[in-house]
């Protein structure tokens, strides 16, 4: 088998693609979720975000999800392709587009670090994903991964998307999603061979999902006395995009109180380590070691006066750690951000106005805008087998769940 392989995807029929597939619910308000489920009974939201989940046991929820998924197949809402294919996938926003390929990779490549992550794994979240995947016997959403740019592969992909796509629609994430099915043997083989020249790829989004898939593979291996290593559960689905096209947005911070300080005293504390300047409009940093701060309906820029201490090990170039080390922890008393309920996170696609609304409403006392983590940092951490702090990267746009699914049958 090759590093990246074609497979028989489980896909919605063309006229239902936009109503079946779903973006990350981080993009969606509760009102949008409720309305979409009501108007689109075959949406995957009815599997992953069921009604009355607080009044039902997990066993009942799982049974209902399985029943709904099987019903989608039995009613030909989703149909499995008869030929192993690659799926070329283009996602476009108003000012950005990226074109990648959906295929499968062997889970052993993840275990052997040919596929590398940068995010810490939490058992509870990974176990939840395991239960979902094992219950449906399918992977509904691809792992979003990045590969080093390859001119020959880009040229080959560009030639395939001159024809009319199988799907083209605007989804709930306000992005245009287009998909081409590639199943000609010579093209499929060429794509696989080109990926064989790339020996390392990086997880952008889906760390808990891939950990769950790896555990499920081991679980099924132990249950199968005739295990060969070629069973479908030894593989997982990836949506793989070139590094130059992947986009990381800022991931901003909100803090619920000023740790007992008045606003003036809080700013005095900040000035010990930072240059603080009042801004006349919302401030989004355009360089590292600089942050925006929203407090009492005013925006400030804050910039470290001196270079970070040399003994800070690998955190030197990561702004999220610098903000925590020099401000959030010593001044505001924020502990481990994984567990401290005084800090919250807000992705950059919500824009700076979302920080203003949260602070003005009293939901938070102060907000910080950050310079987006750079792709080179993601790759550097992954190559050094280090993990970034939580909520370090927000890759946007993201692949939809359910546009192509991979079952283990």
Protein backbone atom coordinates (compact mmCIF):
# COMPACT_ATOMS: atom_id res chain seq x y z
CA UNK A 1 0.00 0.00 0.00
CA UNK A 2 1.02 3.60 -0.53
CA UNK A 3 1.41 6.35 2.05
CA UNK A 4 -1.89 7.92 0.92
CA UNK A 5 -4.48 5.63 -0.68
CA UNK A 6 -7.80 5.82 -2.53
CA UNK A 7 -10.91 4.32 -0.95
CA UNK A 8 -14.62 3.78 -1.54
CA UNK A 9 -16.16 6.83 0.06
CA UNK A 10 -19.60 6.93 1.60
CA UNK A 11 -21.13 10.14 0.21
CA UNK A 12 -24.47 11.97 0.16
CA UNK A 13 -26.36 12.02 -3.12
CA UNK A 14 -25.68 15.28 -4.96
CA UNK A 15 -28.93 17.04 -4.13
CA UNK A 16 -28.51 16.36 -0.39
CA UNK A 17 -24.81 17.13 0.04
CA UNK A 18 -25.39 20.59 1.50
CA UNK A 19 -28.06 19.44 3.96
CA UNK A 20 -26.27 16.26 5.10
CA UNK A 21 -22.69 17.49 5.66
CA UNK A 22 -21.89 19.80 8.57
CA UNK A 23 -19.10 22.12 9.73
CA UNK A 24 -17.61 22.18 13.20
CA UNK A 25 -20.31 23.27 15.63
CA UNK A 26 -17.84 25.92 16.89
CA UNK A 27 -19.04 27.94 13.89
CA UNK A 28 -22.70 27.61 14.79
CA UNK A 29 -25.02 29.23 17.28
CA UNK A 30 -27.55 27.07 19.11
CA UNK A 31 -30.32 28.75 17.12
CA UNK A 32 -28.68 27.79 13.80
CA UNK A 33 -28.19 24.21 15.00
CA UNK A 34 -31.83 23.86 16.05
CA UNK A 35 -33.17 25.35 12.79
CA UNK A 36 -30.86 23.27 10.61
CA UNK A 37 -31.81 20.03 12.33
CA UNK A 38 -35.48 20.87 12.08
CA UNK A 39 -35.30 21.63 8.35
CA UNK A 40 -32.78 18.92 7.43
CA UNK A 41 -33.73 15.59 9.04
CA UNK A 42 -30.83 13.78 7.33
CA UNK A 43 -28.19 16.17 8.62
CA UNK A 44 -25.33 14.62 10.58
CA UNK A 45 -26.21 17.12 13.30
CA UNK A 46 -29.05 14.75 14.17
CA UNK A 47 -26.41 12.10 14.90
CA UNK A 48 -23.77 14.17 16.70
CA UNK A 49 -26.03 16.74 18.35
CA UNK A 50 -29.28 14.87 19.09
CA UNK A 51 -32.33 16.33 20.77
CA UNK A 52 -33.11 15.44 24.39
CA UNK A 53 -29.56 14.27 25.03
CA UNK A 54 -29.82 15.45 28.63
CA UNK A 55 -32.86 13.27 29.29
CA UNK A 56 -31.53 10.08 27.74
CA UNK A 57 -28.83 7.65 28.75
CA UNK A 58 -25.67 7.44 26.66
CA UNK A 59 -26.73 3.96 25.57
CA UNK A 60 -30.02 5.35 24.23
CA UNK A 61 -28.24 8.21 22.47
CA UNK A 62 -25.78 5.81 20.81
CA UNK A 63 -28.57 3.49 19.69
CA UNK A 64 -30.50 6.39 18.15
CA UNK A 65 -27.39 7.67 16.37
CA UNK A 66 -26.68 4.22 14.95
CA UNK A 67 -30.29 3.84 13.84
CA UNK A 68 -30.20 7.24 12.11
CA UNK A 69 -26.93 6.43 10.32
CA UNK A 70 -28.20 3.08 9.09
CA UNK A 71 -31.41 4.75 7.95
CA UNK A 72 -29.40 7.25 5.88
CA UNK A 73 -27.77 4.32 4.09
CA UNK A 74 -30.97 2.30 3.69
CA UNK A 75 -32.82 5.28 2.23
CA UNK A 76 -29.94 6.03 -0.19
CA UNK A 77 -29.31 9.43 1.34
CA UNK A 78 -25.66 8.39 1.47
CA UNK A 79 -24.25 5.83 -0.98
CA UNK A 80 -20.89 4.06 -1.02
CA UNK A 81 -18.84 4.45 -4.19
CA UNK A 82 -18.23 1.25 -6.13
CA UNK A 83 -14.69 2.22 -7.16
CA UNK A 84 -11.74 3.24 -5.01
CA UNK A 85 -11.27 6.95 -5.54
CA UNK A 86 -9.47 10.05 -4.41
CA UNK A 87 -11.62 13.09 -3.72
CA UNK A 88 -10.24 16.50 -4.63
CA UNK A 89 -11.62 19.04 -2.21
CA UNK A 90 -11.66 22.82 -2.61
CA UNK A 91 -12.75 25.15 0.19
CA UNK A 92 -13.16 28.85 -0.52
CA UNK A 93 -13.92 31.95 1.52
CA UNK A 94 -14.21 35.51 0.23
CA UNK A 95 -10.44 36.01 0.32
CA UNK A 96 -8.92 32.55 0.55
CA UNK A 97 -9.09 29.15 -1.11
CA UNK A 98 -7.31 25.83 -0.62
CA UNK A 99 -7.36 22.64 -2.65
CA UNK A 100 -6.50 19.25 -1.20
CA UNK A 101 -7.18 15.55 -1.49
CA UNK A 102 -9.26 13.22 0.64
CA UNK A 103 -7.77 9.74 0.89
CA UNK A 104 -6.75 7.22 3.53
CA UNK A 105 -3.51 6.65 5.38
CA UNK A 106 -2.40 3.73 7.48
CA UNK A 107 -2.65 4.27 11.23
CA UNK A 108 0.82 2.78 11.65
CA UNK A 109 2.16 5.92 9.94
CA UNK A 110 0.75 7.93 12.87
CA UNK A 111 2.24 5.55 15.39
CA UNK A 112 5.61 5.69 13.58
CA UNK A 113 5.54 9.53 13.49
CA UNK A 114 5.33 9.87 9.71
CA UNK A 115 2.12 11.70 10.64
CA UNK A 116 2.84 14.14 13.44
CA UNK A 117 0.69 16.20 15.77
CA UNK A 118 1.33 19.29 17.86
CA UNK A 119 -1.58 19.23 20.32
CA UNK A 120 -1.83 17.54 23.71
CA UNK A 121 -4.39 14.71 23.88
CA UNK A 122 -7.00 14.60 26.64
CA UNK A 123 -8.28 11.14 27.51
CA UNK A 124 -11.92 12.16 28.03
CA UNK A 125 -12.21 13.83 24.62
CA UNK A 126 -10.38 10.99 22.89
CA UNK A 127 -12.61 8.39 24.57
CA UNK A 128 -15.74 10.26 23.46
CA UNK A 129 -14.50 10.19 19.87
CA UNK A 130 -13.68 6.49 20.20
CA UNK A 131 -17.20 5.72 21.36
CA UNK A 132 -18.74 7.68 18.46
CA UNK A 133 -16.58 6.06 15.78
CA UNK A 134 -16.92 2.56 17.20
CA UNK A 135 -20.69 2.94 17.50
CA UNK A 136 -21.16 4.00 13.85
CA UNK A 137 -18.40 1.72 12.53
CA UNK A 138 -17.33 4.66 10.40
CA UNK A 139 -15.23 7.82 10.39
CA UNK A 140 -17.56 10.63 9.38
CA UNK A 141 -15.09 13.52 9.23
CA UNK A 142 -11.53 13.50 7.87
CA UNK A 143 -8.44 14.35 9.86
CA UNK A 144 -7.18 17.67 8.48
CA UNK A 145 -3.47 17.33 7.68
CA UNK A 146 -0.80 19.46 5.99
CA UNK A 147 1.88 18.30 3.55
CA UNK A 148 4.99 20.10 2.26
CA UNK A 149 4.25 21.70 -1.09
CA UNK A 150 4.95 19.50 -4.11
CA UNK A 151 4.86 21.20 -7.52
CA UNK A 152 4.07 18.02 -9.45
CA UNK A 153 1.18 17.13 -7.16
CA UNK A 154 -0.21 20.66 -7.34
CA UNK A 155 -0.06 20.59 -11.13
CA UNK A 156 -1.82 17.23 -11.25
CA UNK A 157 -4.57 18.42 -8.90
CA UNK A 158 -5.08 21.62 -10.88
CA UNK A 159 -5.67 19.60 -14.05
CA UNK A 160 -8.40 17.55 -12.35
CA UNK A 161 -10.48 20.54 -11.22
CA UNK A 162 -11.01 22.04 -14.67
CA UNK A 163 -14.13 19.87 -15.00
CA UNK A 164 -17.44 20.46 -13.23
CA UNK A 165 -17.33 19.38 -9.56
CA UNK A 166 -19.57 16.66 -8.19
CA UNK A 167 -20.64 19.02 -5.38
CA UNK A 168 -20.55 22.80 -5.17
CA UNK A 169 -22.45 24.61 -2.43
CA UNK A 170 -22.20 27.14 0.39
CA UNK A 171 -22.32 25.47 3.80
CA UNK A 172 -23.29 26.68 7.25
CA UNK A 173 -19.71 27.88 7.80
CA UNK A 174 -20.28 30.44 4.99
CA UNK A 175 -17.61 28.77 2.85
CA UNK A 176 -17.99 27.30 -0.61
CA UNK A 177 -17.23 23.58 -0.73
CA UNK A 178 -16.48 21.78 -4.00
CA UNK A 179 -15.62 18.12 -4.56
CA UNK A 180 -14.33 16.16 -7.56
CA UNK A 181 -14.26 12.35 -7.66
CA UNK A 182 -11.06 10.97 -9.23
CA UNK A 183 -11.18 7.26 -10.04
CA UNK A 184 -9.23 6.82 -13.29
CA UNK A 185 -6.61 4.20 -12.50
CA UNK A 186 -3.64 6.04 -13.99
CA UNK A 187 -4.45 9.29 -12.16
CA UNK A 188 -5.14 7.49 -8.89
CA UNK A 189 -1.83 5.65 -9.12
CA UNK A 190 0.06 8.85 -9.95
CA UNK A 191 -1.40 10.64 -6.93
CA UNK A 192 -0.42 7.74 -4.66
CA UNK A 193 3.10 7.65 -6.09
CA UNK A 194 3.58 11.39 -5.61
CA UNK A 195 2.49 11.13 -1.97
CA UNK A 196 5.05 8.37 -1.52
CA UNK A 197 7.76 10.98 -2.11
CA UNK A 198 6.45 12.90 0.93
CA UNK A 199 7.50 11.08 4.07
CA UNK A 200 6.04 13.35 6.73
CA UNK A 201 2.74 15.18 7.13
CA UNK A 202 1.31 17.21 10.00
CA UNK A 203 -2.04 17.16 11.77
CA UNK A 204 -3.78 20.52 11.65
CA UNK A 205 -7.09 19.54 13.21
CA UNK A 206 -8.38 16.23 14.56
CA UNK A 207 -5.81 15.18 17.17
CA UNK A 208 -8.39 13.54 19.43
CA UNK A 209 -10.11 11.87 16.51
CA UNK A 210 -6.91 10.26 15.23
CA UNK A 211 -5.99 9.11 18.74
CA UNK A 212 -9.44 7.53 19.00
CA UNK A 213 -9.00 5.85 15.61
CA UNK A 214 -5.63 4.47 16.67
CA UNK A 215 -7.16 3.01 19.84
CA UNK A 216 -10.06 1.55 17.89
CA UNK A 217 -7.65 -0.11 15.47
CA UNK A 218 -5.84 -1.79 18.36
CA UNK A 219 -9.15 -2.75 19.97
CA UNK A 220 -10.36 -4.47 16.80
CA UNK A 221 -6.99 -6.06 16.16
CA UNK A 222 -7.18 -7.76 19.56
CA UNK A 223 -10.70 -9.01 18.81
CA UNK A 224 -9.73 -10.42 15.41
CA UNK A 225 -7.74 -13.71 15.58
CA UNK A 226 -7.21 -13.51 11.81
CA UNK A 227 -5.87 -9.97 11.80
CA UNK A 228 -3.66 -9.25 8.75
CA UNK A 229 -3.05 -5.50 9.01
CA UNK A 230 -4.97 -4.81 5.80
CA UNK A 231 -8.45 -4.59 7.31
CA UNK A 232 -10.26 -1.24 6.85
CA UNK A 233 -9.87 -0.45 10.56
CA UNK A 234 -6.11 -0.19 10.03
CA UNK A 235 -6.64 2.97 7.96
CA UNK A 236 -8.18 6.39 8.52
CA UNK A 237 -9.44 9.18 6.31
CA UNK A 238 -7.46 12.39 5.79
CA UNK A 239 -8.14 15.67 4.03
CA UNK A 240 -4.64 16.69 3.07
CA UNK A 241 -3.77 20.24 1.99
CA UNK A 242 -0.46 21.85 0.93
CA UNK A 243 1.31 23.86 3.59
CA UNK A 244 1.27 27.08 1.56
CA UNK A 245 -2.53 27.04 1.30
CA UNK A 246 -3.42 26.18 4.89
CA UNK A 247 -4.45 29.19 6.97
CA UNK A 248 -4.11 29.68 10.72
CA UNK A 249 -6.20 32.36 12.40
CA UNK A 250 -5.60 33.98 15.77
CA UNK A 251 -6.94 32.26 18.88
CA UNK A 252 -7.76 34.94 21.41
CA UNK A 253 -8.19 34.98 25.19
CA UNK A 254 -10.82 36.26 27.61
CA UNK A 255 -10.37 36.52 31.39
CA UNK A 256 -13.36 36.79 33.71
CA UNK A 257 -11.88 39.15 36.35
CA UNK A 258 -8.84 41.32 37.12
CA UNK A 259 -7.76 39.25 40.15
CA UNK A 260 -8.78 42.03 42.54
CA UNK A 261 -7.01 44.87 40.70
CA UNK A 262 -8.71 48.04 39.63
CA UNK A 263 -8.33 48.76 35.91
CA UNK A 264 -5.69 51.45 36.59
CA UNK A 265 -3.65 49.25 38.92
CA UNK A 266 -3.90 46.37 36.46
CA UNK A 267 -2.44 48.53 33.69
CA UNK A 268 0.33 49.70 36.04
CA UNK A 269 1.27 46.07 36.63
CA UNK A 270 1.35 45.37 32.90
CA UNK A 271 3.64 48.36 32.28
CA UNK A 272 6.38 46.71 34.31
CA UNK A 273 7.00 44.25 31.46
CA UNK A 274 5.16 45.75 28.50
CA UNK A 275 4.92 48.97 26.53
CA UNK A 276 1.24 49.93 26.73
CA UNK A 277 -0.34 52.28 24.17
CA UNK A 278 -3.99 53.28 23.85
CA UNK A 279 -5.50 52.61 20.41
CA UNK A 280 -8.34 54.42 18.66
CA UNK A 281 -9.76 51.26 17.04
CA UNK A 282 -9.79 47.48 17.62
CA UNK A 283 -6.20 46.29 17.69
CA UNK A 284 -5.06 43.12 15.98
CA UNK A 285 -1.31 42.45 16.32
CA UNK A 286 0.68 42.21 13.09
CA UNK A 287 3.89 40.91 14.65
CA UNK A 288 5.06 38.53 17.32
CA UNK A 289 5.49 39.55 20.99
CA UNK A 290 2.72 42.14 20.59
CA UNK A 291 -0.85 41.79 21.86
CA UNK A 292 -4.11 43.66 21.80
CA UNK A 293 -6.04 44.25 25.00
CA UNK A 294 -9.68 45.33 25.40
CA UNK A 295 -10.60 46.76 28.79
CA UNK A 296 -13.36 49.17 29.85
CA UNK A 297 -14.41 49.84 26.24
CA UNK A 298 -10.86 50.79 25.23
CA UNK A 299 -8.31 49.00 23.06
CA UNK A 300 -4.61 48.96 23.89
CA UNK A 301 -1.53 47.53 22.25
CA UNK A 302 0.90 45.88 24.63
CA UNK A 303 4.40 44.87 23.56
CA UNK A 304 7.12 43.12 25.52
CA UNK A 305 9.84 45.60 26.49
CA UNK A 306 12.64 43.04 26.39
CA UNK A 307 13.34 39.78 24.60
CA UNK A 308 12.08 36.69 26.46
CA UNK A 309 14.42 35.12 28.97
CA UNK A 310 16.73 32.61 27.33
CA UNK A 311 15.94 29.89 29.86
CA UNK A 312 12.30 29.67 28.77
CA UNK A 313 13.20 26.63 26.65
CA UNK A 314 10.91 26.15 23.63
CA UNK A 315 8.33 28.80 24.52
CA UNK A 316 10.45 31.72 23.32
CA UNK A 317 8.80 32.12 19.92
CA UNK A 318 5.25 31.20 20.89
CA UNK A 319 3.16 34.25 21.73
CA UNK A 320 0.51 32.29 23.61
CA UNK A 321 3.12 31.14 26.10
CA UNK A 322 4.68 34.59 26.37
CA UNK A 323 1.33 36.16 27.24
CA UNK A 324 0.76 33.48 29.86
CA UNK A 325 4.27 33.62 31.34
CA UNK A 326 4.55 37.41 31.56
CA UNK A 327 0.94 38.50 32.14
CA UNK A 328 -1.83 35.96 32.64
CA UNK A 329 -0.07 33.94 35.32
CA UNK A 330 1.93 36.51 37.34
CA UNK A 331 -0.59 39.37 37.18
CA UNK A 332 -3.99 37.70 36.78
CA UNK A 333 -3.20 34.46 38.61
CA UNK A 334 -4.28 32.22 35.72
CA UNK A 335 -3.07 28.67 36.28
CA UNK A 336 -3.12 25.78 33.84
CA UNK A 337 -5.43 27.02 31.04
CA UNK A 338 -6.72 23.48 30.55
CA UNK A 339 -8.44 23.57 33.91
CA UNK A 340 -8.68 27.21 35.05
CA UNK A 341 -12.30 28.30 34.56
CA UNK A 342 -11.40 32.00 34.75
CA UNK A 343 -9.99 31.93 31.20
CA UNK A 344 -11.87 31.37 27.98
CA UNK A 345 -10.88 31.17 24.32
CA UNK A 346 -12.37 32.65 21.18
CA UNK A 347 -11.34 31.80 17.62
CA UNK A 348 -10.30 34.54 15.23
CA UNK A 349 -13.06 33.91 12.69
CA UNK A 350 -15.44 35.53 15.21
CA UNK A 351 -13.42 38.77 14.70
CA UNK A 352 -12.41 41.31 17.33
CA UNK A 353 -15.98 42.51 17.76
CA UNK A 354 -16.69 39.26 19.57
CA UNK A 355 -14.11 40.19 22.22
CA UNK A 356 -15.79 43.57 22.66
CA UNK A 357 -19.23 41.98 23.03
CA UNK A 358 -18.04 39.45 25.62
CA UNK A 359 -16.31 42.13 27.71
CA UNK A 360 -19.02 44.77 27.34
CA UNK A 361 -21.68 42.26 28.42
CA UNK A 362 -19.75 41.42 31.58
CA UNK A 363 -19.16 37.83 30.51
CA UNK A 364 -15.44 38.66 30.65
CA UNK A 365 -13.54 41.54 32.26
CA UNK A 366 -10.66 41.79 29.81
CA UNK A 367 -9.87 40.36 26.38
CA UNK A 368 -6.60 39.81 24.55
CA UNK A 369 -6.04 39.54 20.80
CA UNK A 370 -3.02 37.56 19.63
CA UNK A 371 -0.80 37.30 16.60
CA UNK A 372 -1.70 34.03 14.90
CA UNK A 373 0.57 31.05 15.50
CA UNK A 374 2.76 30.54 12.45
CA UNK A 375 2.87 27.33 10.43
CA UNK A 376 6.61 27.07 11.00
CA UNK A 377 5.98 26.91 14.75
CA UNK A 378 3.43 24.12 14.32
CA UNK A 379 5.90 22.08 12.25
CA UNK A 380 8.79 22.84 14.59
CA UNK A 381 6.86 21.66 17.65
CA UNK A 382 5.69 18.53 15.85
CA UNK A 383 9.19 17.70 14.62
CA UNK A 384 10.59 18.13 18.14
CA UNK A 385 7.78 15.92 19.50
CA UNK A 386 6.57 18.81 21.65
CA UNK A 387 2.97 19.81 22.29
CA UNK A 388 1.61 23.33 22.13
CA UNK A 389 -0.60 24.74 24.89
CA UNK A 390 -4.35 24.31 24.44
CA UNK A 391 -6.13 26.54 21.91
CA UNK A 392 -2.90 27.51 20.13
CA UNK A 393 -4.08 27.14 16.55
CA UNK A 394 -7.32 27.69 14.71
CA UNK A 395 -7.04 26.34 11.18
CA UNK A 396 -9.68 27.95 9.01
CA UNK A 397 -11.47 26.99 6.87
CA UNK A 398 -11.92 23.37 7.93
CA UNK A 399 -13.21 20.32 6.02
CA UNK A 400 -16.85 19.45 6.53
CA UNK A 401 -17.94 16.31 8.34
CA UNK A 402 -20.00 13.93 6.24
CA UNK A 403 -19.10 15.20 2.78
CA UNK A 404 -17.16 11.96 2.44
CA UNK A 405 -17.22 9.27 5.13
CA UNK A 406 -15.05 6.18 5.53
CA UNK A 407 -16.68 3.02 6.88
CA UNK A 408 -14.84 -0.02 8.20
CA UNK A 409 -16.95 -2.61 6.40
